[in-house]
Amino acid sequence: MEIGIEKFVALCCIAIGLSHIFQARAWAQLFISWREKGDVGGLYTGLLHFQFGALIVAFHNVWHGIPMVVTLLGWSWTLKGLLYLTYPKHAIRMLGRVSLERSWEFIVAGAVLFVIGLVIIYSLITRNALV
């Protein structure tokens, strides 16, 4: 199951990373629209992170080597999502940073996600676990 989760995370990181790179303004617009919804937008943001993170945490508990990155991402997204779900005003405060003028930050985040996805795939290949 752990290898399946690693494949899932790698694919998601690559796809979402590329989307952040090529659709940075659209991502900014999405989060701006969520911010305008107040606490409801904070809950949306919490759900986005919590569900993805909880799936990883539930099925991936590896604390060594490159696969540990997947576990750390899972715990980070789970805790961030939990914080936003229980305190949506904090999510709104964080969404306050998002603007169309700063949409380039999504490109940076997308590049990081894309590289993380590639690193996870490299790890799977070196362990003959990709297929």
C-alpha atoms as a PDB file:
ATOM      1  CA  MET A   1       0.000   0.000   0.000  1.00  0.00           C
ATOM      2  CA  GLU A   2       2.866   2.385   0.764  1.00  0.00           C
ATOM      3  CA  ILE A   3       4.205   2.177  -2.781  1.00  0.00           C
ATOM      4  CA  GLY A   4       0.730   2.899  -4.138  1.00  0.00           C
ATOM      5  CA  ILE A   5       0.529   6.022  -1.966  1.00  0.00           C
ATOM      6  CA  GLU A   6       3.972   7.112  -3.174  1.00  0.00           C
ATOM      7  CA  LYS A   7       2.831   6.749  -6.788  1.00  0.00           C
ATOM      8  CA  PHE A   8      -0.353   8.689  -5.990  1.00  0.00           C
ATOM      9  CA  VAL A   9       1.585  11.514  -4.311  1.00  0.00           C
ATOM     10  CA  ALA A  10       4.151  11.661  -7.124  1.00  0.00           C
ATOM     11  CA  LEU A  11       1.434  11.924  -9.773  1.00  0.00           C
ATOM     12  CA  CYS A  12      -0.490  14.542  -7.786  1.00  0.00           C
ATOM     13  CA  CYS A  13       2.640  16.609  -7.082  1.00  0.00           C
ATOM     14  CA  ILE A  14       3.599  16.578 -10.747  1.00  0.00           C
ATOM     15  CA  ALA A  15       0.092  17.407 -12.008  1.00  0.00           C
ATOM     16  CA  ILE A  16      -0.643  20.080  -9.412  1.00  0.00           C
ATOM     17  CA  GLY A  17       2.879  21.457  -9.749  1.00  0.00           C
ATOM     18  CA  LEU A  18       2.493  21.841 -13.507  1.00  0.00           C
ATOM     19  CA  SER A  19      -0.928  23.395 -13.006  1.00  0.00           C
ATOM     20  CA  HIS A  20       0.557  25.918 -10.557  1.00  0.00           C
ATOM     21  CA  ILE A  21       3.298  26.739 -13.075  1.00  0.00           C
ATOM     22  CA  PHE A  22       1.050  27.136 -16.122  1.00  0.00           C
ATOM     23  CA  GLN A  23      -2.123  28.416 -14.428  1.00  0.00           C
ATOM     24  CA  ALA A  24      -0.719  30.571 -11.623  1.00  0.00           C
ATOM     25  CA  ARG A  25      -3.251  33.371 -12.116  1.00  0.00           C
ATOM     26  CA  ALA A  26      -6.155  30.925 -12.076  1.00  0.00           C
ATOM     27  CA  TRP A  27      -4.920  29.480  -8.775  1.00  0.00           C
ATOM     28  CA  ALA A  28      -4.655  32.999  -7.384  1.00  0.00           C
ATOM     29  CA  GLN A  29      -8.197  33.726  -8.548  1.00  0.00           C
ATOM     30  CA  LEU A  30      -9.457  30.510  -6.936  1.00  0.00           C
ATOM     31  CA  PHE A  31      -7.962  31.338  -3.552  1.00  0.00           C
ATOM     32  CA  ILE A  32      -9.060  34.989  -3.794  1.00  0.00           C
ATOM     33  CA  SER A  33     -12.638  33.812  -4.416  1.00  0.00           C
ATOM     34  CA  TRP A  34     -12.405  31.443  -1.433  1.00  0.00           C
ATOM     35  CA  ARG A  35     -11.066  34.267   0.733  1.00  0.00           C
ATOM     36  CA  GLU A  36     -14.067  36.389  -0.234  1.00  0.00           C
ATOM     37  CA  LYS A  37     -16.359  33.634   1.112  1.00  0.00           C
ATOM     38  CA  GLY A  38     -15.024  34.198   4.637  1.00  0.00           C
ATOM     39  CA  ASP A  39     -15.028  31.224   6.980  1.00  0.00           C
ATOM     40  CA  VAL A  40     -16.577  29.007   4.296  1.00  0.00           C
ATOM     41  CA  GLY A  41     -13.532  29.659   2.114  1.00  0.00           C
ATOM     42  CA  GLY A  42     -11.319  28.765   5.062  1.00  0.00           C
ATOM     43  CA  LEU A  43     -13.160  25.471   5.360  1.00  0.00           C
ATOM     44  CA  TYR A  44     -12.684  24.816   1.627  1.00  0.00           C
ATOM     45  CA  THR A  45      -8.956  25.329   2.068  1.00  0.00           C
ATOM     46  CA  GLY A  46      -8.921  23.065   5.114  1.00  0.00           C
ATOM     47  CA  LEU A  47     -10.727  20.295   3.246  1.00  0.00           C
ATOM     48  CA  LEU A  48      -8.335  20.585   0.318  1.00  0.00           C
ATOM     49  CA  HIS A  49      -5.352  19.916   2.571  1.00  0.00           C
ATOM     50  CA  PHE A  50      -6.865  17.630   5.213  1.00  0.00           C
ATOM     51  CA  GLN A  51      -8.326  14.981   2.926  1.00  0.00           C
ATOM     52  CA  PHE A  52      -5.178  14.629   0.851  1.00  0.00           C
ATOM     53  CA  GLY A  53      -2.943  14.562   3.924  1.00  0.00           C
ATOM     54  CA  ALA A  54      -5.158  12.149   5.862  1.00  0.00           C
ATOM     55  CA  LEU A  55      -5.100   9.668   2.975  1.00  0.00           C
ATOM     56  CA  ILE A  56      -1.301   9.703   3.037  1.00  0.00           C
ATOM     57  CA  VAL A  57      -1.085   9.455   6.841  1.00  0.00           C
ATOM     58  CA  ALA A  58      -3.532   6.558   6.916  1.00  0.00           C
ATOM     59  CA  PHE A  59      -1.572   4.417   4.471  1.00  0.00           C
ATOM     60  CA  HIS A  60       2.034   5.628   4.507  1.00  0.00           C
ATOM     61  CA  ASN A  61       4.142   5.459   7.665  1.00  0.00           C
ATOM     62  CA  VAL A  62       7.712   5.340   6.369  1.00  0.00           C
ATOM     63  CA  TRP A  63      10.365   7.218   8.349  1.00  0.00           C
ATOM     64  CA  HIS A  64      13.551   6.575   6.369  1.00  0.00           C
ATOM     65  CA  GLY A  65      15.011   7.563   3.017  1.00  0.00           C
ATOM     66  CA  ILE A  66      13.237   9.477   0.276  1.00  0.00           C
ATOM     67  CA  PRO A  67       9.837   7.860   1.034  1.00  0.00           C
ATOM     68  CA  MET A  68       9.903   9.726   4.352  1.00  0.00           C
ATOM     69  CA  VAL A  69       9.213  12.886   2.318  1.00  0.00           C
ATOM     70  CA  VAL A  70       5.792  11.456   1.463  1.00  0.00           C
ATOM     71  CA  THR A  71       5.033  10.806   5.136  1.00  0.00           C
ATOM     72  CA  LEU A  72       6.182  14.300   6.126  1.00  0.00           C
ATOM     73  CA  LEU A  73       4.046  15.872   3.394  1.00  0.00           C
ATOM     74  CA  GLY A  74       1.075  13.835   4.590  1.00  0.00           C
ATOM     75  CA  TRP A  75       1.470  14.950   8.187  1.00  0.00           C
ATOM     76  CA  SER A  76       2.054  18.563   7.140  1.00  0.00           C
ATOM     77  CA  TRP A  77      -1.072  18.685   4.971  1.00  0.00           C
ATOM     78  CA  THR A  78      -3.132  16.880   7.620  1.00  0.00           C
ATOM     79  CA  LEU A  79      -2.125  19.277  10.393  1.00  0.00           C
ATOM     80  CA  LYS A  80      -2.558  22.323   8.159  1.00  0.00           C
ATOM     81  CA  GLY A  81      -5.997  21.090   7.121  1.00  0.00           C
ATOM     82  CA  LEU A  82      -6.981  20.382  10.722  1.00  0.00           C
ATOM     83  CA  LEU A  83      -5.890  23.896  11.733  1.00  0.00           C
ATOM     84  CA  TYR A  84      -7.899  25.470   8.916  1.00  0.00           C
ATOM     85  CA  LEU A  85     -10.964  23.297   9.607  1.00  0.00           C
ATOM     86  CA  THR A  86     -10.987  24.181  13.300  1.00  0.00           C
ATOM     87  CA  TYR A  87      -9.876  27.798  12.916  1.00  0.00           C
ATOM     88  CA  PRO A  88     -10.950  28.987   9.435  1.00  0.00           C
ATOM     89  CA  LYS A  89     -10.130  32.610  10.272  1.00  0.00           C
ATOM     90  CA  HIS A  90      -6.457  31.611  10.233  1.00  0.00           C
ATOM     91  CA  ALA A  91      -6.920  30.194   6.736  1.00  0.00           C
ATOM     92  CA  ILE A  92      -8.514  33.468   5.641  1.00  0.00           C
ATOM     93  CA  ARG A  93      -5.581  35.389   7.116  1.00  0.00           C
ATOM     94  CA  MET A  94      -3.172  33.202   5.135  1.00  0.00           C
ATOM     95  CA  LEU A  95      -5.273  33.607   1.990  1.00  0.00           C
ATOM     96  CA  GLY A  96      -4.914  37.357   2.520  1.00  0.00           C
ATOM     97  CA  ARG A  97      -1.422  37.065   1.045  1.00  0.00           C
ATOM     98  CA  VAL A  98      -2.778  35.894  -2.304  1.00  0.00           C
ATOM     99  CA  SER A  99      -3.130  38.473  -5.072  1.00  0.00           C
ATOM    100  CA  LEU A 100      -2.926  38.488  -8.850  1.00  0.00           C
ATOM    101  CA  GLU A 101       0.236  40.567  -8.601  1.00  0.00           C
ATOM    102  CA  ARG A 102       1.834  37.862  -6.455  1.00  0.00           C
ATOM    103  CA  SER A 103       0.562  34.948  -8.552  1.00  0.00           C
ATOM    104  CA  TRP A 104       4.204  34.255  -9.474  1.00  0.00           C
ATOM    105  CA  GLU A 105       4.476  32.631  -6.028  1.00  0.00           C
ATOM    106  CA  PHE A 106       2.300  29.798  -7.359  1.00  0.00           C
ATOM    107  CA  ILE A 107       4.936  29.208 -10.045  1.00  0.00           C
ATOM    108  CA  VAL A 108       7.602  28.809  -7.355  1.00  0.00           C
ATOM    109  CA  ALA A 109       5.380  26.488  -5.310  1.00  0.00           C
ATOM    110  CA  GLY A 110       4.533  24.549  -8.473  1.00  0.00           C
ATOM    111  CA  ALA A 111       8.211  24.086  -9.302  1.00  0.00           C
ATOM    112  CA  VAL A 112       8.842  22.750  -5.791  1.00  0.00           C
ATOM    113  CA  LEU A 113       5.901  20.333  -6.050  1.00  0.00           C
ATOM    114  CA  PHE A 114       7.037  19.211  -9.497  1.00  0.00           C
ATOM    115  CA  VAL A 115      10.572  18.489  -8.244  1.00  0.00           C
ATOM    116  CA  ILE A 116       9.213  16.618  -5.214  1.00  0.00           C
ATOM    117  CA  GLY A 117       7.129  14.486  -7.570  1.00  0.00           C
ATOM    118  CA  LEU A 118      10.198  13.723  -9.686  1.00  0.00           C
ATOM    119  CA  VAL A 119      12.252  12.831  -6.601  1.00  0.00           C
ATOM    120  CA  ILE A 120       9.557  10.403  -5.466  1.00  0.00           C
ATOM    121  CA  ILE A 121       9.463   8.824  -8.928  1.00  0.00           C
ATOM    122  CA  TYR A 122      13.266   8.545  -8.878  1.00  0.00           C
ATOM    123  CA  SER A 123      12.999   6.762  -5.540  1.00  0.00           C
ATOM    124  CA  LEU A 124      10.395   4.376  -6.939  1.00  0.00           C
ATOM    125  CA  ILE A 125      12.561   3.645  -9.991  1.00  0.00           C
ATOM    126  CA  THR A 126      15.672   2.961  -7.923  1.00  0.00           C
ATOM    127  CA  ARG A 127      13.693   0.496  -5.801  1.00  0.00           C
ATOM    128  CA  ASN A 128      12.169  -1.140  -8.915  1.00  0.00           C
ATOM    129  CA  ALA A 129       8.762  -0.210  -7.535  1.00  0.00           C
ATOM    130  CA  LEU A 130       7.419   1.980 -10.317  1.00  0.00           C
ATOM    131  CA  VAL A 131       5.741  -0.789 -12.296  1.00  0.00           C
END
